[in-house]
């Protein structure tokens, strides 16, 4: 799914394809990585 959405974005520039790519990327992260990233974002804010 990631490669399809990336290829679709690369060929068309469709923002929805890019957002789908980013969503699938986020879902593939391990839960502890997600928590770490959220903590870092809270510190920066």
PDB file of N, CA and C in Angstrom:
ATOM      1  N   UNK A   1       0.826  -1.191   0.000  1.00  0.00           N
ATOM      2  CA  UNK A   1       0.000   0.000   0.000  1.00  0.00           C
ATOM      3  C   UNK A   1       0.871   1.256   0.000  1.00  0.00           C
ATOM      4  N   UNK A   2       1.963   1.216   0.765  1.00  0.00           N
ATOM      5  CA  UNK A   2       2.827   2.403   0.809  1.00  0.00           C
ATOM      6  C   UNK A   2       3.415   2.716  -0.548  1.00  0.00           C
ATOM      7  N   UNK A   3       3.908   1.693  -1.227  1.00  0.00           N
ATOM      8  CA  UNK A   3       4.541   1.954  -2.517  1.00  0.00           C
ATOM      9  C   UNK A   3       3.515   2.443  -3.544  1.00  0.00           C
ATOM     10  N   UNK A   4       2.298   1.898  -3.486  1.00  0.00           N
ATOM     11  CA  UNK A   4       1.258   2.350  -4.402  1.00  0.00           C
ATOM     12  C   UNK A   4       0.935   3.818  -4.175  1.00  0.00           C
ATOM     13  N   UNK A   5       0.714   4.189  -2.915  1.00  0.00           N
ATOM     14  CA  UNK A   5       0.347   5.582  -2.638  1.00  0.00           C
ATOM     15  C   UNK A   5       1.499   6.525  -2.973  1.00  0.00           C
ATOM     16  N   UNK A   6       2.750   6.097  -2.721  1.00  0.00           N
ATOM     17  CA  UNK A   6       3.882   6.953  -3.078  1.00  0.00           C
ATOM     18  C   UNK A   6       3.990   7.109  -4.584  1.00  0.00           C
ATOM     19  N   UNK A   7       3.874   6.012  -5.307  1.00  0.00           N
ATOM     20  CA  UNK A   7       3.960   6.084  -6.769  1.00  0.00           C
ATOM     21  C   UNK A   7       2.836   6.938  -7.349  1.00  0.00           C
ATOM     22  N   UNK A   8       1.661   6.821  -6.791  1.00  0.00           N
ATOM     23  CA  UNK A   8       0.534   7.634  -7.237  1.00  0.00           C
ATOM     24  C   UNK A   8       0.838   9.117  -6.996  1.00  0.00           C
ATOM     25  N   UNK A   9       1.365   9.439  -5.815  1.00  0.00           N
ATOM     26  CA  UNK A   9       1.718  10.823  -5.511  1.00  0.00           C
ATOM     27  C   UNK A   9       2.823  11.320  -6.440  1.00  0.00           C
ATOM     28  N   UNK A  10       3.843  10.490  -6.642  1.00  0.00           N
ATOM     29  CA  UNK A  10       4.974  10.895  -7.473  1.00  0.00           C
ATOM     30  C   UNK A  10       4.537  11.173  -8.907  1.00  0.00           C
ATOM     31  N   UNK A  11       3.598  10.401  -9.408  1.00  0.00           N
ATOM     32  CA  UNK A  11       3.176  10.574 -10.797  1.00  0.00           C
ATOM     33  C   UNK A  11       2.153  11.691 -10.979  1.00  0.00           C
ATOM     34  N   UNK A  12       1.315  11.920  -9.953  1.00  0.00           N
ATOM     35  CA  UNK A  12       0.218  12.866 -10.124  1.00  0.00           C
ATOM     36  C   UNK A  12       0.343  14.128  -9.281  1.00  0.00           C
ATOM     37  N   UNK A  13       1.095  14.047  -8.187  1.00  0.00           N
ATOM     38  CA  UNK A  13       1.172  15.172  -7.263  1.00  0.00           C
ATOM     39  C   UNK A  13      -0.080  15.308  -6.410  1.00  0.00           C
ATOM     40  N   UNK A  14      -0.904  14.278  -6.390  1.00  0.00           N
ATOM     41  CA  UNK A  14      -2.153  14.279  -5.639  1.00  0.00           C
ATOM     42  C   UNK A  14      -1.861  14.285  -4.144  1.00  0.00           C
ATOM     43  N   UNK A  15      -2.325  15.318  -3.444  1.00  0.00           N
ATOM     44  CA  UNK A  15      -2.054  15.445  -2.019  1.00  0.00           C
ATOM     45  C   UNK A  15      -2.707  14.331  -1.204  1.00  0.00           C
ATOM     46  N   UNK A  16      -3.854  13.841  -1.644  1.00  0.00           N
ATOM     47  CA  UNK A  16      -4.515  12.739  -0.930  1.00  0.00           C
ATOM     48  C   UNK A  16      -3.661  11.474  -0.966  1.00  0.00           C
ATOM     49  N   UNK A  17      -2.977  11.238  -2.066  1.00  0.00           N
ATOM     50  CA  UNK A  17      -2.084  10.076  -2.157  1.00  0.00           C
ATOM     51  C   UNK A  17      -0.921  10.239  -1.183  1.00  0.00           C
ATOM     52  N   UNK A  18      -0.415  11.462  -1.066  1.00  0.00           N
ATOM     53  CA  UNK A  18       0.676  11.714  -0.121  1.00  0.00           C
ATOM     54  C   UNK A  18       0.201  11.516   1.317  1.00  0.00           C
ATOM     55  N   UNK A  19      -0.971  12.018   1.631  1.00  0.00           N
ATOM     56  CA  UNK A  19      -1.499  11.860   2.982  1.00  0.00           C
ATOM     57  C   UNK A  19      -1.746  10.388   3.310  1.00  0.00           C
ATOM     58  N   UNK A  20      -2.214   9.626   2.337  1.00  0.00           N
ATOM     59  CA  UNK A  20      -2.375   8.190   2.533  1.00  0.00           C
ATOM     60  C   UNK A  20      -1.025   7.541   2.792  1.00  0.00           C
ATOM     61  N   UNK A  21      -0.004   7.948   2.053  1.00  0.00           N
ATOM     62  CA  UNK A  21       1.351   7.434   2.254  1.00  0.00           C
ATOM     63  C   UNK A  21       1.817   7.716   3.679  1.00  0.00           C
ATOM     64  N   UNK A  22       1.629   8.944   4.136  1.00  0.00           N
ATOM     65  CA  UNK A  22       2.061   9.310   5.487  1.00  0.00           C
ATOM     66  C   UNK A  22       1.280   8.548   6.551  1.00  0.00           C
ATOM     67  N   UNK A  23      -0.013   8.328   6.320  1.00  0.00           N
ATOM     68  CA  UNK A  23      -0.823   7.559   7.269  1.00  0.00           C
ATOM     69  C   UNK A  23      -0.339   6.123   7.368  1.00  0.00           C
ATOM     70  N   UNK A  24      -0.049   5.502   6.240  1.00  0.00           N
ATOM     71  CA  UNK A  24       0.427   4.117   6.279  1.00  0.00           C
ATOM     72  C   UNK A  24       1.811   4.049   6.911  1.00  0.00           C
ATOM     73  N   UNK A  25       2.618   5.075   6.706  1.00  0.00           N
ATOM     74  CA  UNK A  25       3.931   5.136   7.343  1.00  0.00           C
ATOM     75  C   UNK A  25       3.783   5.224   8.857  1.00  0.00           C
ATOM     76  N   UNK A  26       2.866   6.056   9.305  1.00  0.00           N
ATOM     77  CA  UNK A  26       2.643   6.218  10.741  1.00  0.00           C
ATOM     78  C   UNK A  26       2.106   4.935  11.366  1.00  0.00           C
ATOM     79  N   UNK A  27       1.246   4.236  10.653  1.00  0.00           N
ATOM     80  CA  UNK A  27       0.686   2.994  11.181  1.00  0.00           C
ATOM     81  C   UNK A  27       1.726   1.884  11.264  1.00  0.00           C
ATOM     82  N   UNK A  28       2.758   1.966  10.448  1.00  0.00           N
ATOM     83  CA  UNK A  28       3.775   0.924  10.454  1.00  0.00           C
ATOM     84  C   UNK A  28       4.809   1.131  11.559  1.00  0.00           C
ATOM     85  N   UNK A  29       4.809   2.298  12.182  1.00  0.00           N
ATOM     86  CA  UNK A  29       5.740   2.558  13.278  1.00  0.00           C
ATOM     87  C   UNK A  29       5.363   1.717  14.491  1.00  0.00           C
ATOM     88  N   UNK A  30       6.351   1.372  15.254  1.00  0.00           N
ATOM     89  CA  UNK A  30       6.103   0.652  16.503  1.00  0.00           C
ATOM     90  C   UNK A  30       5.447   1.613  17.489  1.00  0.00           C
ATOM     91  N   UNK A  31       4.568   1.107  18.344  1.00  0.00           N
ATOM     92  CA  UNK A  31       3.863   1.989  19.296  1.00  0.00           C
ATOM     93  C   UNK A  31       4.796   2.813  20.179  1.00  0.00           C
ATOM     94  N   UNK A  32       5.941   2.265  20.572  1.00  0.00           N
ATOM     95  CA  UNK A  32       6.847   3.037  21.410  1.00  0.00           C
ATOM     96  C   UNK A  32       7.471   4.194  20.648  1.00  0.00           C
ATOM     97  N   UNK A  33       7.661   4.045  19.347  1.00  0.00           N
ATOM     98  CA  UNK A  33       8.171   5.148  18.536  1.00  0.00           C
ATOM     99  C   UNK A  33       7.144   6.265  18.437  1.00  0.00           C
ATOM    100  N   UNK A  34       5.879   5.895  18.339  1.00  0.00           N
ATOM    101  CA  UNK A  34       4.812   6.893  18.271  1.00  0.00           C
ATOM    102  C   UNK A  34       4.760   7.688  19.574  1.00  0.00           C
ATOM    103  N   UNK A  35       4.833   6.985  20.694  1.00  0.00           N
ATOM    104  CA  UNK A  35       4.807   7.665  21.988  1.00  0.00           C
ATOM    105  C   UNK A  35       6.010   8.589  22.142  1.00  0.00           C
ATOM    106  N   UNK A  36       7.178   8.139  21.722  1.00  0.00           N
ATOM    107  CA  UNK A  36       8.384   8.966  21.808  1.00  0.00           C
ATOM    108  C   UNK A  36       8.231  10.228  20.974  1.00  0.00           C
ATOM    109  N   UNK A  37       7.714  10.096  19.767  1.00  0.00           N
ATOM    110  CA  UNK A  37       7.528  11.258  18.881  1.00  0.00           C
ATOM    111  C   UNK A  37       6.522  12.234  19.496  1.00  0.00           C
ATOM    112  N   UNK A  38       5.439  11.707  20.060  1.00  0.00           N
ATOM    113  CA  UNK A  38       4.438  12.584  20.680  1.00  0.00           C
ATOM    114  C   UNK A  38       5.024  13.335  21.861  1.00  0.00           C
ATOM    115  N   UNK A  39       5.854  12.665  22.663  1.00  0.00           N
ATOM    116  CA  UNK A  39       6.493  13.328  23.795  1.00  0.00           C
ATOM    117  C   UNK A  39       7.415  14.441  23.314  1.00  0.00           C
ATOM    118  N   UNK A  40       8.161  14.189  22.245  1.00  0.00           N
ATOM    119  CA  UNK A  40       9.057  15.208  21.701  1.00  0.00           C
ATOM    120  C   UNK A  40       8.270  16.405  21.175  1.00  0.00           C
ATOM    121  N   UNK A  41       7.124  16.149  20.568  1.00  0.00           N
ATOM    122  CA  UNK A  41       6.298  17.238  20.051  1.00  0.00           C
ATOM    123  C   UNK A  41       5.724  18.072  21.187  1.00  0.00           C
ATOM    124  N   UNK A  42       5.382  17.419  22.314  1.00  0.00           N
ATOM    125  CA  UNK A  42       4.858  18.151  23.466  1.00  0.00           C
ATOM    126  C   UNK A  42       5.929  19.058  24.053  1.00  0.00           C
ATOM    127  N   UNK A  43       7.159  18.580  24.101  1.00  0.00           N
ATOM    128  CA  UNK A  43       8.258  19.371  24.646  1.00  0.00           C
ATOM    129  C   UNK A  43       8.524  20.583  23.766  1.00  0.00           C
ATOM    130  N   UNK A  44       8.435  20.407  22.444  1.00  0.00           N
ATOM    131  CA  UNK A  44       8.691  21.504  21.520  1.00  0.00           C
ATOM    132  C   UNK A  44       7.596  22.562  21.572  1.00  0.00           C
ATOM    133  N   UNK A  45       6.385  22.169  21.920  1.00  0.00           N
ATOM    134  CA  UNK A  45       5.254  23.102  21.908  1.00  0.00           C
ATOM    135  C   UNK A  45       5.206  23.988  23.118  1.00  0.00           C
TER     136      UNK A  45
END
